[in-house]
Amino acid sequence: LKSALIQSTELVDNKIISVLRRYFKTEEVTVRYQYVHPTPKP
């Protein structure tokens, strides 16, 4: 699947959402997670 990676230091705002809508051409997306630090509860 085509995808977009929003790094942990980026802030999701309306501008990013607008870009994602144009890129995916959809109002819904599937979300997965790429861990950068260990966590007891993935």
PDB file of all heavy atoms in Angstrom:
ATOM      1  N   LEU A   1       0.840  -1.191   0.000  1.00  0.00           N
ATOM      2  CA  LEU A   1       0.000   0.000   0.000  1.00  0.00           C
ATOM      3  C   LEU A   1       0.881   1.248   0.000  1.00  0.00           C
ATOM      4  O   LEU A   1       1.938   1.266   0.622  1.00  0.00           O
ATOM      5  CB  LEU A   1      -0.893   0.023   1.240  1.00  0.00           C
ATOM      6  CG  LEU A   1      -1.909  -1.118   1.393  1.00  0.00           C
ATOM      7  CD1 LEU A   1      -2.647  -0.972   2.718  1.00  0.00           C
ATOM      8  CD2 LEU A   1      -2.887  -1.131   0.234  1.00  0.00           C
ATOM      9  N   LYS A   2       0.443   2.279  -0.695  1.00  0.00           N
ATOM     10  CA  LYS A   2       1.178   3.537  -0.577  1.00  0.00           C
ATOM     11  C   LYS A   2       0.911   4.120   0.803  1.00  0.00           C
ATOM     12  O   LYS A   2      -0.157   3.898   1.400  1.00  0.00           O
ATOM     13  CB  LYS A   2       0.815   4.505  -1.697  1.00  0.00           C
ATOM     14  CG  LYS A   2      -0.560   5.130  -1.636  1.00  0.00           C
ATOM     15  CD  LYS A   2      -0.701   6.129  -2.785  1.00  0.00           C
ATOM     16  CE  LYS A   2      -2.019   6.889  -2.722  1.00  0.00           C
ATOM     17  NZ  LYS A   2      -2.146   7.885  -3.805  1.00  0.00           N
ATOM     18  N   SER A   3       1.897   4.857   1.313  1.00  0.00           N
ATOM     19  CA  SER A   3       1.801   5.294   2.693  1.00  0.00           C
ATOM     20  C   SER A   3       2.519   6.616   2.900  1.00  0.00           C
ATOM     21  O   SER A   3       3.213   7.122   2.000  1.00  0.00           O
ATOM     22  CB  SER A   3       2.399   4.223   3.625  1.00  0.00           C
ATOM     23  OG  SER A   3       3.797   4.068   3.384  1.00  0.00           O
ATOM     24  N   ALA A   4       2.352   7.175   4.096  1.00  0.00           N
ATOM     25  CA  ALA A   4       3.048   8.395   4.502  1.00  0.00           C
ATOM     26  C   ALA A   4       3.554   8.191   5.919  1.00  0.00           C
ATOM     27  O   ALA A   4       2.835   7.670   6.779  1.00  0.00           O
ATOM     28  CB  ALA A   4       2.119   9.602   4.432  1.00  0.00           C
ATOM     29  N   LEU A   5       4.796   8.592   6.164  1.00  0.00           N
ATOM     30  CA  LEU A   5       5.408   8.439   7.477  1.00  0.00           C
ATOM     31  C   LEU A   5       5.495   9.804   8.148  1.00  0.00           C
ATOM     32  O   LEU A   5       6.190  10.711   7.668  1.00  0.00           O
ATOM     33  CB  LEU A   5       6.804   7.830   7.332  1.00  0.00           C
ATOM     34  CG  LEU A   5       7.515   7.451   8.635  1.00  0.00           C
ATOM     35  CD1 LEU A   5       6.773   6.323   9.338  1.00  0.00           C
ATOM     36  CD2 LEU A   5       8.958   7.051   8.356  1.00  0.00           C
ATOM     37  N   ILE A   6       4.764   9.951   9.259  1.00  0.00           N
ATOM     38  CA  ILE A   6       4.812  11.178  10.061  1.00  0.00           C
ATOM     39  C   ILE A   6       5.703  10.886  11.254  1.00  0.00           C
ATOM     40  O   ILE A   6       5.371  10.058  12.109  1.00  0.00           O
ATOM     41  CB  ILE A   6       3.412  11.602  10.525  1.00  0.00           C
ATOM     42  CG1 ILE A   6       2.480  11.794   9.324  1.00  0.00           C
ATOM     43  CG2 ILE A   6       3.489  12.866  11.358  1.00  0.00           C
ATOM     44  CD1 ILE A   6       1.047  12.105   9.714  1.00  0.00           C
ATOM     45  N   GLN A   7       6.839  11.533  11.318  1.00  0.00           N
ATOM     46  CA  GLN A   7       7.810  11.230  12.355  1.00  0.00           C
ATOM     47  C   GLN A   7       7.330  11.718  13.716  1.00  0.00           C
ATOM     48  O   GLN A   7       6.496  12.621  13.826  1.00  0.00           O
ATOM     49  CB  GLN A   7       9.160  11.821  11.980  1.00  0.00           C
ATOM     50  CG  GLN A   7       9.667  11.281  10.641  1.00  0.00           C
ATOM     51  CD  GLN A   7      11.091  11.645  10.352  1.00  0.00           C
ATOM     52  OE1 GLN A   7      11.983  11.368  11.150  1.00  0.00           O
ATOM     53  NE2 GLN A   7      11.317  12.279   9.217  1.00  0.00           N
ATOM     54  N   SER A   8       7.891  11.098  14.762  1.00  0.00           N
ATOM     55  CA  SER A   8       7.422  11.356  16.123  1.00  0.00           C
ATOM     56  C   SER A   8       7.620  12.810  16.540  1.00  0.00           C
ATOM     57  O   SER A   8       6.935  13.293  17.452  1.00  0.00           O
ATOM     58  CB  SER A   8       8.144  10.434  17.107  1.00  0.00           C
ATOM     59  OG  SER A   8       9.550  10.625  17.029  1.00  0.00           O
ATOM     60  N   THR A   9       8.544  13.512  15.884  1.00  0.00           N
ATOM     61  CA  THR A   9       8.809  14.916  16.227  1.00  0.00           C
ATOM     62  C   THR A   9       7.931  15.896  15.457  1.00  0.00           C
ATOM     63  O   THR A   9       7.947  17.093  15.738  1.00  0.00           O
ATOM     64  CB  THR A   9      10.286  15.241  15.933  1.00  0.00           C
ATOM     65  OG1 THR A   9      10.586  14.895  14.565  1.00  0.00           O
ATOM     66  CG2 THR A   9      11.207  14.450  16.863  1.00  0.00           C
ATOM     67  N   GLU A  10       7.172  15.396  14.481  1.00  0.00           N
ATOM     68  CA  GLU A  10       6.282  16.270  13.704  1.00  0.00           C
ATOM     69  C   GLU A  10       4.948  16.437  14.424  1.00  0.00           C
ATOM     70  O   GLU A  10       4.499  15.544  15.161  1.00  0.00           O
ATOM     71  CB  GLU A  10       6.040  15.673  12.315  1.00  0.00           C
ATOM     72  CG  GLU A  10       7.269  15.616  11.435  1.00  0.00           C
ATOM     73  CD  GLU A  10       6.940  15.084  10.056  1.00  0.00           C
ATOM     74  OE1 GLU A  10       6.548  15.890   9.185  1.00  0.00           O
ATOM     75  OE2 GLU A  10       7.080  13.867   9.847  1.00  0.00           O
ATOM     76  N   LEU A  11       4.327  17.553  14.182  1.00  0.00           N
ATOM     77  CA  LEU A  11       3.032  17.831  14.784  1.00  0.00           C
ATOM     78  C   LEU A  11       1.943  17.748  13.732  1.00  0.00           C
ATOM     79  O   LEU A  11       1.997  18.435  12.707  1.00  0.00           O
ATOM     80  CB  LEU A  11       3.025  19.227  15.419  1.00  0.00           C
ATOM     81  CG  LEU A  11       1.703  19.659  16.073  1.00  0.00           C
ATOM     82  CD1 LEU A  11       1.391  18.762  17.271  1.00  0.00           C
ATOM     83  CD2 LEU A  11       1.775  21.121  16.508  1.00  0.00           C
ATOM     84  N   VAL A  12       0.968  16.886  13.962  1.00  0.00           N
ATOM     85  CA  VAL A  12      -0.153  16.770  13.035  1.00  0.00           C
ATOM     86  C   VAL A  12      -1.043  18.001  13.178  1.00  0.00           C
ATOM     87  O   VAL A  12      -1.569  18.285  14.256  1.00  0.00           O
ATOM     88  CB  VAL A  12      -0.964  15.486  13.310  1.00  0.00           C
ATOM     89  CG1 VAL A  12      -2.250  15.480  12.481  1.00  0.00           C
ATOM     90  CG2 VAL A  12      -0.131  14.247  12.992  1.00  0.00           C
ATOM     91  N   ASP A  13      -1.183  18.745  12.082  1.00  0.00           N
ATOM     92  CA  ASP A  13      -2.046  19.921  12.079  1.00  0.00           C
ATOM     93  C   ASP A  13      -2.903  19.900  10.818  1.00  0.00           C
ATOM     94  O   ASP A  13      -2.852  18.960  10.024  1.00  0.00           O
ATOM     95  CB  ASP A  13      -1.219  21.212  12.170  1.00  0.00           C
ATOM     96  CG  ASP A  13      -0.161  21.313  11.059  1.00  0.00           C
ATOM     97  OD1 ASP A  13      -0.281  20.589  10.041  1.00  0.00           O
ATOM     98  OD2 ASP A  13       0.769  22.122  11.200  1.00  0.00           O
ATOM     99  N   ASN A  14      -3.672  20.939  10.625  1.00  0.00           N
ATOM    100  CA  ASN A  14      -4.583  20.979   9.472  1.00  0.00           C
ATOM    101  C   ASN A  14      -3.830  20.966   8.147  1.00  0.00           C
ATOM    102  O   ASN A  14      -4.323  20.428   7.146  1.00  0.00           O
ATOM    103  CB  ASN A  14      -5.478  22.219   9.555  1.00  0.00           C
ATOM    104  CG  ASN A  14      -6.580  22.061  10.592  1.00  0.00           C
ATOM    105  OD1 ASN A  14      -7.167  20.996  10.705  1.00  0.00           O
ATOM    106  ND2 ASN A  14      -6.837  23.110  11.346  1.00  0.00           N
ATOM    107  N   LYS A  15      -2.641  21.549   8.116  1.00  0.00           N
ATOM    108  CA  LYS A  15      -1.853  21.556   6.882  1.00  0.00           C
ATOM    109  C   LYS A  15      -1.448  20.138   6.497  1.00  0.00           C
ATOM    110  O   LYS A  15      -1.569  19.739   5.335  1.00  0.00           O
ATOM    111  CB  LYS A  15      -0.614  22.435   7.050  1.00  0.00           C
ATOM    112  CG  LYS A  15       0.241  22.528   5.801  1.00  0.00           C
ATOM    113  CD  LYS A  15       1.439  23.448   6.007  1.00  0.00           C
ATOM    114  CE  LYS A  15       2.294  23.506   4.748  1.00  0.00           C
ATOM    115  NZ  LYS A  15       3.486  24.390   4.947  1.00  0.00           N
ATOM    116  N   ILE A  16      -0.959  19.368   7.466  1.00  0.00           N
ATOM    117  CA  ILE A  16      -0.574  17.985   7.191  1.00  0.00           C
ATOM    118  C   ILE A  16      -1.790  17.174   6.767  1.00  0.00           C
ATOM    119  O   ILE A  16      -1.720  16.374   5.821  1.00  0.00           O
ATOM    120  CB  ILE A  16       0.103  17.353   8.426  1.00  0.00           C
ATOM    121  CG1 ILE A  16       1.547  17.862   8.520  1.00  0.00           C
ATOM    122  CG2 ILE A  16       0.075  15.824   8.354  1.00  0.00           C
ATOM    123  CD1 ILE A  16       2.349  17.259   9.660  1.00  0.00           C
ATOM    124  N   ILE A  17      -2.905  17.363   7.421  1.00  0.00           N
ATOM    125  CA  ILE A  17      -4.124  16.629   7.065  1.00  0.00           C
ATOM    126  C   ILE A  17      -4.543  16.955   5.643  1.00  0.00           C
ATOM    127  O   ILE A  17      -4.939  16.071   4.864  1.00  0.00           O
ATOM    128  CB  ILE A  17      -5.260  16.957   8.054  1.00  0.00           C
ATOM    129  CG1 ILE A  17      -4.926  16.424   9.451  1.00  0.00           C
ATOM    130  CG2 ILE A  17      -6.581  16.376   7.560  1.00  0.00           C
ATOM    131  CD1 ILE A  17      -4.795  14.915   9.538  1.00  0.00           C
ATOM    132  N   SER A  18      -4.441  18.218   5.252  1.00  0.00           N
ATOM    133  CA  SER A  18      -4.805  18.626   3.892  1.00  0.00           C
ATOM    134  C   SER A  18      -3.906  17.943   2.862  1.00  0.00           C
ATOM    135  O   SER A  18      -4.381  17.473   1.817  1.00  0.00           O
ATOM    136  CB  SER A  18      -4.705  20.151   3.771  1.00  0.00           C
ATOM    137  OG  SER A  18      -5.006  20.566   2.467  1.00  0.00           O
ATOM    138  N   VAL A  19      -2.606  17.879   3.154  1.00  0.00           N
ATOM    139  CA  VAL A  19      -1.667  17.212   2.248  1.00  0.00           C
ATOM    140  C   VAL A  19      -2.001  15.735   2.133  1.00  0.00           C
ATOM    141  O   VAL A  19      -1.984  15.155   1.029  1.00  0.00           O
ATOM    142  CB  VAL A  19      -0.220  17.411   2.730  1.00  0.00           C
ATOM    143  CG1 VAL A  19       0.746  16.548   1.921  1.00  0.00           C
ATOM    144  CG2 VAL A  19       0.185  18.872   2.636  1.00  0.00           C
ATOM    145  N   LEU A  20      -2.314  15.096   3.255  1.00  0.00           N
ATOM    146  CA  LEU A  20      -2.645  13.669   3.248  1.00  0.00           C
ATOM    147  C   LEU A  20      -3.915  13.401   2.449  1.00  0.00           C
ATOM    148  O   LEU A  20      -4.002  12.397   1.725  1.00  0.00           O
ATOM    149  CB  LEU A  20      -2.809  13.161   4.685  1.00  0.00           C
ATOM    150  CG  LEU A  20      -1.535  13.074   5.526  1.00  0.00           C
ATOM    151  CD1 LEU A  20      -1.865  12.703   6.965  1.00  0.00           C
ATOM    152  CD2 LEU A  20      -0.563  12.061   4.937  1.00  0.00           C
ATOM    153  N   ARG A  21      -4.887  14.270   2.547  1.00  0.00           N
ATOM    154  CA  ARG A  21      -6.124  14.079   1.781  1.00  0.00           C
ATOM    155  C   ARG A  21      -5.860  14.147   0.282  1.00  0.00           C
ATOM    156  O   ARG A  21      -6.428  13.372  -0.494  1.00  0.00           O
ATOM    157  CB  ARG A  21      -7.156  15.143   2.188  1.00  0.00           C
ATOM    158  CG  ARG A  21      -7.794  14.907   3.541  1.00  0.00           C
ATOM    159  CD  ARG A  21      -8.749  16.033   3.878  1.00  0.00           C
ATOM    160  NE  ARG A  21      -9.378  15.826   5.177  1.00  0.00           N
ATOM    161  CZ  ARG A  21     -10.065  16.755   5.824  1.00  0.00           C
ATOM    162  NH1 ARG A  21     -10.211  17.966   5.279  1.00  0.00           N
ATOM    163  NH2 ARG A  21     -10.609  16.500   6.995  1.00  0.00           N
ATOM    164  N   ARG A  22      -5.004  15.064  -0.120  1.00  0.00           N
ATOM    165  CA  ARG A  22      -4.688  15.167  -1.547  1.00  0.00           C
ATOM    166  C   ARG A  22      -3.885  13.940  -2.011  1.00  0.00           C
ATOM    167  O   ARG A  22      -4.078  13.459  -3.120  1.00  0.00           O
ATOM    168  CB  ARG A  22      -3.896  16.454  -1.819  1.00  0.00           C
ATOM    169  CG  ARG A  22      -4.705  17.723  -1.678  1.00  0.00           C
ATOM    170  CD  ARG A  22      -4.022  18.908  -2.354  1.00  0.00           C
ATOM    171  NE  ARG A  22      -2.705  19.164  -1.797  1.00  0.00           N
ATOM    172  CZ  ARG A  22      -2.489  19.975  -0.753  1.00  0.00           C
ATOM    173  NH1 ARG A  22      -3.508  20.583  -0.164  1.00  0.00           N
ATOM    174  NH2 ARG A  22      -1.263  20.163  -0.319  1.00  0.00           N
ATOM    175  N   TYR A  23      -3.008  13.472  -1.159  1.00  0.00           N
ATOM    176  CA  TYR A  23      -2.149  12.340  -1.521  1.00  0.00           C
ATOM    177  C   TYR A  23      -2.948  11.042  -1.622  1.00  0.00           C
ATOM    178  O   TYR A  23      -2.829  10.294  -2.605  1.00  0.00           O
ATOM    179  CB  TYR A  23      -1.035  12.199  -0.486  1.00  0.00           C
ATOM    180  CG  TYR A  23      -0.112  11.016  -0.711  1.00  0.00           C
ATOM    181  CD1 TYR A  23       0.685  10.932  -1.848  1.00  0.00           C
ATOM    182  CD2 TYR A  23      -0.029   9.988   0.226  1.00  0.00           C
ATOM    183  CE1 TYR A  23       1.536   9.863  -2.054  1.00  0.00           C
ATOM    184  CE2 TYR A  23       0.827   8.912   0.034  1.00  0.00           C
ATOM    185  CZ  TYR A  23       1.605   8.856  -1.106  1.00  0.00           C
ATOM    186  OH  TYR A  23       2.444   7.796  -1.301  1.00  0.00           O
ATOM    187  N   PHE A  24      -3.773  10.775  -0.628  1.00  0.00           N
ATOM    188  CA  PHE A  24      -4.522   9.519  -0.605  1.00  0.00           C
ATOM    189  C   PHE A  24      -5.846   9.596  -1.361  1.00  0.00           C
ATOM    190  O   PHE A  24      -6.439   8.553  -1.682  1.00  0.00           O
ATOM    191  CB  PHE A  24      -4.798   9.085   0.842  1.00  0.00           C
ATOM    192  CG  PHE A  24      -3.574   8.599   1.574  1.00  0.00           C
ATOM    193  CD1 PHE A  24      -3.043   9.339   2.625  1.00  0.00           C
ATOM    194  CD2 PHE A  24      -2.949   7.418   1.219  1.00  0.00           C
ATOM    195  CE1 PHE A  24      -1.921   8.897   3.306  1.00  0.00           C
ATOM    196  CE2 PHE A  24      -1.825   6.967   1.893  1.00  0.00           C
ATOM    197  CZ  PHE A  24      -1.305   7.710   2.937  1.00  0.00           C
ATOM    198  N   LYS A  25      -6.331  10.832  -1.589  1.00  0.00           N
ATOM    199  CA  LYS A  25      -7.613  11.026  -2.272  1.00  0.00           C
ATOM    200  C   LYS A  25      -8.733  10.275  -1.555  1.00  0.00           C
ATOM    201  O   LYS A  25      -9.561   9.584  -2.160  1.00  0.00           O
ATOM    202  CB  LYS A  25      -7.532  10.578  -3.742  1.00  0.00           C
ATOM    203  CG  LYS A  25      -6.554  11.409  -4.577  1.00  0.00           C
ATOM    204  CD  LYS A  25      -6.526  10.937  -6.023  1.00  0.00           C
ATOM    205  CE  LYS A  25      -5.667  11.835  -6.893  1.00  0.00           C
ATOM    206  NZ  LYS A  25      -4.262  11.895  -6.462  1.00  0.00           N
ATOM    207  N   THR A  26      -8.755  10.410  -0.246  1.00  0.00           N
ATOM    208  CA  THR A  26      -9.746   9.723   0.569  1.00  0.00           C
ATOM    209  C   THR A  26      -9.942  10.479   1.871  1.00  0.00           C
ATOM    210  O   THR A  26      -9.088  11.295   2.254  1.00  0.00           O
ATOM    211  CB  THR A  26      -9.302   8.271   0.876  1.00  0.00           C
ATOM    212  OG1 THR A  26     -10.289   7.644   1.702  1.00  0.00           O
ATOM    213  CG2 THR A  26      -7.979   8.254   1.619  1.00  0.00           C
ATOM    214  N   GLU A  27     -11.034  10.215   2.527  1.00  0.00           N
ATOM    215  CA  GLU A  27     -11.319  10.844   3.824  1.00  0.00           C
ATOM    216  C   GLU A  27     -10.971   9.907   4.983  1.00  0.00           C
ATOM    217  O   GLU A  27     -11.057  10.305   6.144  1.00  0.00           O
ATOM    218  CB  GLU A  27     -12.806  11.223   3.908  1.00  0.00           C
ATOM    219  CG  GLU A  27     -13.192  12.414   3.054  1.00  0.00           C
ATOM    220  CD  GLU A  27     -12.656  13.731   3.609  1.00  0.00           C
ATOM    221  OE1 GLU A  27     -12.641  13.906   4.840  1.00  0.00           O
ATOM    222  OE2 GLU A  27     -12.241  14.578   2.794  1.00  0.00           O
ATOM    223  N   GLU A  28     -10.572   8.670   4.664  1.00  0.00           N
ATOM    224  CA  GLU A  28     -10.207   7.709   5.701  1.00  0.00           C
ATOM    225  C   GLU A  28      -8.863   7.082   5.373  1.00  0.00           C
ATOM    226  O   GLU A  28      -8.496   6.948   4.197  1.00  0.00           O
ATOM    227  CB  GLU A  28     -11.259   6.601   5.825  1.00  0.00           C
ATOM    228  CG  GLU A  28     -12.541   7.010   6.496  1.00  0.00           C
ATOM    229  CD  GLU A  28     -13.425   5.808   6.761  1.00  0.00           C
ATOM    230  OE1 GLU A  28     -13.648   5.023   5.825  1.00  0.00           O
ATOM    231  OE2 GLU A  28     -13.889   5.661   7.897  1.00  0.00           O
ATOM    232  N   VAL A  29      -8.141   6.688   6.416  1.00  0.00           N
ATOM    233  CA  VAL A  29      -6.854   6.017   6.226  1.00  0.00           C
ATOM    234  C   VAL A  29      -6.719   4.898   7.255  1.00  0.00           C
ATOM    235  O   VAL A  29      -7.437   4.855   8.259  1.00  0.00           O
ATOM    236  CB  VAL A  29      -5.672   6.997   6.386  1.00  0.00           C
ATOM    237  CG1 VAL A  29      -5.596   7.961   5.215  1.00  0.00           C
ATOM    238  CG2 VAL A  29      -5.751   7.738   7.718  1.00  0.00           C
ATOM    239  N   THR A  30      -5.790   4.001   6.970  1.00  0.00           N
ATOM    240  CA  THR A  30      -5.397   2.983   7.938  1.00  0.00           C
ATOM    241  C   THR A  30      -4.125   3.455   8.628  1.00  0.00           C
ATOM    242  O   THR A  30      -3.232   3.996   7.979  1.00  0.00           O
ATOM    243  CB  THR A  30      -5.150   1.636   7.233  1.00  0.00           C
ATOM    244  OG1 THR A  30      -6.386   1.179   6.672  1.00  0.00           O
ATOM    245  CG2 THR A  30      -4.619   0.591   8.200  1.00  0.00           C
ATOM    246  N   VAL A  31      -4.036   3.246   9.932  1.00  0.00           N
ATOM    247  CA  VAL A  31      -2.885   3.722  10.696  1.00  0.00           C
ATOM    248  C   VAL A  31      -2.131   2.545  11.313  1.00  0.00           C
ATOM    249  O   VAL A  31      -2.722   1.693  11.980  1.00  0.00           O
ATOM    250  CB  VAL A  31      -3.307   4.700  11.804  1.00  0.00           C
ATOM    251  CG1 VAL A  31      -2.091   5.160  12.621  1.00  0.00           C
ATOM    252  CG2 VAL A  31      -4.019   5.911  11.200  1.00  0.00           C
ATOM    253  N   ARG A  32      -0.818   2.523  11.055  1.00  0.00           N
ATOM    254  CA  ARG A  32       0.089   1.588  11.718  1.00  0.00           C
ATOM    255  C   ARG A  32       1.140   2.403  12.475  1.00  0.00           C
ATOM    256  O   ARG A  32       1.171   3.632  12.382  1.00  0.00           O
ATOM    257  CB  ARG A  32       0.747   0.651  10.707  1.00  0.00           C
ATOM    258  CG  ARG A  32      -0.254  -0.212   9.942  1.00  0.00           C
ATOM    259  CD  ARG A  32       0.459  -1.141   8.985  1.00  0.00           C
ATOM    260  NE  ARG A  32       1.194  -2.186   9.706  1.00  0.00           N
ATOM    261  CZ  ARG A  32       2.137  -2.943   9.162  1.00  0.00           C
ATOM    262  NH1 ARG A  32       2.502  -2.739   7.894  1.00  0.00           N
ATOM    263  NH2 ARG A  32       2.745  -3.873   9.860  1.00  0.00           N
ATOM    264  N   TYR A  33       2.004   1.714  13.210  1.00  0.00           N
ATOM    265  CA  TYR A  33       2.963   2.403  14.062  1.00  0.00           C
ATOM    266  C   TYR A  33       4.363   1.827  13.861  1.00  0.00           C
ATOM    267  O   TYR A  33       4.544   0.612  13.823  1.00  0.00           O
ATOM    268  CB  TYR A  33       2.559   2.266  15.536  1.00  0.00           C
ATOM    269  CG  TYR A  33       1.149   2.754  15.797  1.00  0.00           C
ATOM    270  CD1 TYR A  33       0.056   1.893  15.698  1.00  0.00           C
ATOM    271  CD2 TYR A  33       0.906   4.085  16.115  1.00  0.00           C
ATOM    272  CE1 TYR A  33      -1.237   2.343  15.910  1.00  0.00           C
ATOM    273  CE2 TYR A  33      -0.390   4.546  16.332  1.00  0.00           C
ATOM    274  CZ  TYR A  33      -1.453   3.668  16.230  1.00  0.00           C
ATOM    275  OH  TYR A  33      -2.736   4.109  16.438  1.00  0.00           O
ATOM    276  N   GLN A  34       5.348   2.710  13.729  1.00  0.00           N
ATOM    277  CA  GLN A  34       6.751   2.316  13.673  1.00  0.00           C
ATOM    278  C   GLN A  34       7.416   2.801  14.961  1.00  0.00           C
ATOM    279  O   GLN A  34       7.577   3.993  15.187  1.00  0.00           O
ATOM    280  CB  GLN A  34       7.440   2.934  12.458  1.00  0.00           C
ATOM    281  CG  GLN A  34       8.946   2.782  12.453  1.00  0.00           C
ATOM    282  CD  GLN A  34       9.410   1.334  12.347  1.00  0.00           C
ATOM    283  OE1 GLN A  34       9.254   0.689  11.316  1.00  0.00           O
ATOM    284  NE2 GLN A  34       9.963   0.822  13.443  1.00  0.00           N
ATOM    285  N   TYR A  35       7.763   1.844  15.814  1.00  0.00           N
ATOM    286  CA  TYR A  35       8.307   2.195  17.125  1.00  0.00           C
ATOM    287  C   TYR A  35       9.735   2.702  17.018  1.00  0.00           C
ATOM    288  O   TYR A  35      10.556   2.166  16.274  1.00  0.00           O
ATOM    289  CB  TYR A  35       8.230   0.995  18.063  1.00  0.00           C
ATOM    290  CG  TYR A  35       6.810   0.690  18.461  1.00  0.00           C
ATOM    291  CD1 TYR A  35       6.023  -0.161  17.692  1.00  0.00           C
ATOM    292  CD2 TYR A  35       6.236   1.303  19.569  1.00  0.00           C
ATOM    293  CE1 TYR A  35       4.704  -0.408  18.023  1.00  0.00           C
ATOM    294  CE2 TYR A  35       4.907   1.062  19.905  1.00  0.00           C
ATOM    295  CZ  TYR A  35       4.150   0.209  19.132  1.00  0.00           C
ATOM    296  OH  TYR A  35       2.843  -0.030  19.459  1.00  0.00           O
ATOM    297  N   VAL A  36      10.027   3.752  17.797  1.00  0.00           N
ATOM    298  CA  VAL A  36      11.383   4.292  17.887  1.00  0.00           C
ATOM    299  C   VAL A  36      11.949   4.116  19.290  1.00  0.00           C
ATOM    300  O   VAL A  36      13.150   4.285  19.503  1.00  0.00           O
ATOM    301  CB  VAL A  36      11.421   5.773  17.475  1.00  0.00           C
ATOM    302  CG1 VAL A  36      11.071   5.915  15.999  1.00  0.00           C
ATOM    303  CG2 VAL A  36      10.466   6.624  18.313  1.00  0.00           C
ATOM    304  N   HIS A  37      11.099   3.794  20.259  1.00  0.00           N
ATOM    305  CA  HIS A  37      11.524   3.503  21.622  1.00  0.00           C
ATOM    306  C   HIS A  37      10.776   2.265  22.110  1.00  0.00           C
ATOM    307  O   HIS A  37       9.620   2.038  21.734  1.00  0.00           O
ATOM    308  CB  HIS A  37      11.226   4.679  22.572  1.00  0.00           C
ATOM    309  CG  HIS A  37      11.924   5.946  22.207  1.00  0.00           C
ATOM    310  ND1 HIS A  37      13.297   6.066  22.221  1.00  0.00           N
ATOM    311  CD2 HIS A  37      11.444   7.152  21.822  1.00  0.00           C
ATOM    312  CE1 HIS A  37      13.631   7.287  21.858  1.00  0.00           C
ATOM    313  NE2 HIS A  37      12.522   7.969  21.597  1.00  0.00           N
ATOM    314  N   PRO A  38      11.403   1.452  22.963  1.00  0.00           N
ATOM    315  CA  PRO A  38      10.702   0.288  23.526  1.00  0.00           C
ATOM    316  C   PRO A  38       9.480   0.729  24.328  1.00  0.00           C
ATOM    317  O   PRO A  38       9.453   1.811  24.908  1.00  0.00           O
ATOM    318  CB  PRO A  38      11.754  -0.361  24.428  1.00  0.00           C
ATOM    319  CG  PRO A  38      13.065   0.143  23.929  1.00  0.00           C
ATOM    320  CD  PRO A  38      12.808   1.523  23.408  1.00  0.00           C
ATOM    321  N   THR A  39       8.473  -0.114  24.329  1.00  0.00           N
ATOM    322  CA  THR A  39       7.258   0.179  25.084  1.00  0.00           C
ATOM    323  C   THR A  39       6.689  -1.114  25.644  1.00  0.00           C
ATOM    324  O   THR A  39       6.706  -2.141  24.969  1.00  0.00           O
ATOM    325  CB  THR A  39       6.201   0.878  24.198  1.00  0.00           C
ATOM    326  OG1 THR A  39       4.991   1.041  24.948  1.00  0.00           O
ATOM    327  CG2 THR A  39       5.919   0.079  22.942  1.00  0.00           C
ATOM    328  N   PRO A  40       6.201  -1.105  26.884  1.00  0.00           N
ATOM    329  CA  PRO A  40       5.632  -2.332  27.456  1.00  0.00           C
ATOM    330  C   PRO A  40       4.260  -2.677  26.880  1.00  0.00           C
ATOM    331  O   PRO A  40       3.803  -3.807  27.012  1.00  0.00           O
ATOM    332  CB  PRO A  40       5.526  -2.002  28.956  1.00  0.00           C
ATOM    333  CG  PRO A  40       5.394  -0.504  29.000  1.00  0.00           C
ATOM    334  CD  PRO A  40       6.220   0.007  27.850  1.00  0.00           C
ATOM    335  N   LYS A  41       3.617  -1.706  26.237  1.00  0.00           N
ATOM    336  CA  LYS A  41       2.272  -1.931  25.714  1.00  0.00           C
ATOM    337  C   LYS A  41       2.169  -1.422  24.273  1.00  0.00           C
ATOM    338  O   LYS A  41       1.638  -0.328  24.034  1.00  0.00           O
ATOM    339  CB  LYS A  41       1.225  -1.251  26.593  1.00  0.00           C
ATOM    340  CG  LYS A  41       1.126  -1.828  27.999  1.00  0.00           C
ATOM    341  CD  LYS A  41       0.035  -1.124  28.802  1.00  0.00           C
ATOM    342  CE  LYS A  41      -0.085  -1.722  30.200  1.00  0.00           C
ATOM    343  NZ  LYS A  41      -1.150  -1.031  30.987  1.00  0.00           N
ATOM    344  N   PRO A  42       2.677  -2.194  23.313  1.00  0.00           N
ATOM    345  CA  PRO A  42       2.548  -1.764  21.913  1.00  0.00           C
ATOM    346  C   PRO A  42       1.088  -1.605  21.512  1.00  0.00           C
ATOM    347  O   PRO A  42       0.220  -2.376  21.937  1.00  0.00           O
ATOM    348  CB  PRO A  42       3.219  -2.907  21.136  1.00  0.00           C
ATOM    349  CG  PRO A  42       4.106  -3.584  22.130  1.00  0.00           C
ATOM    350  CD  PRO A  42       3.412  -3.458  23.443  1.00  0.00           C
TER     351      PRO A  42
END
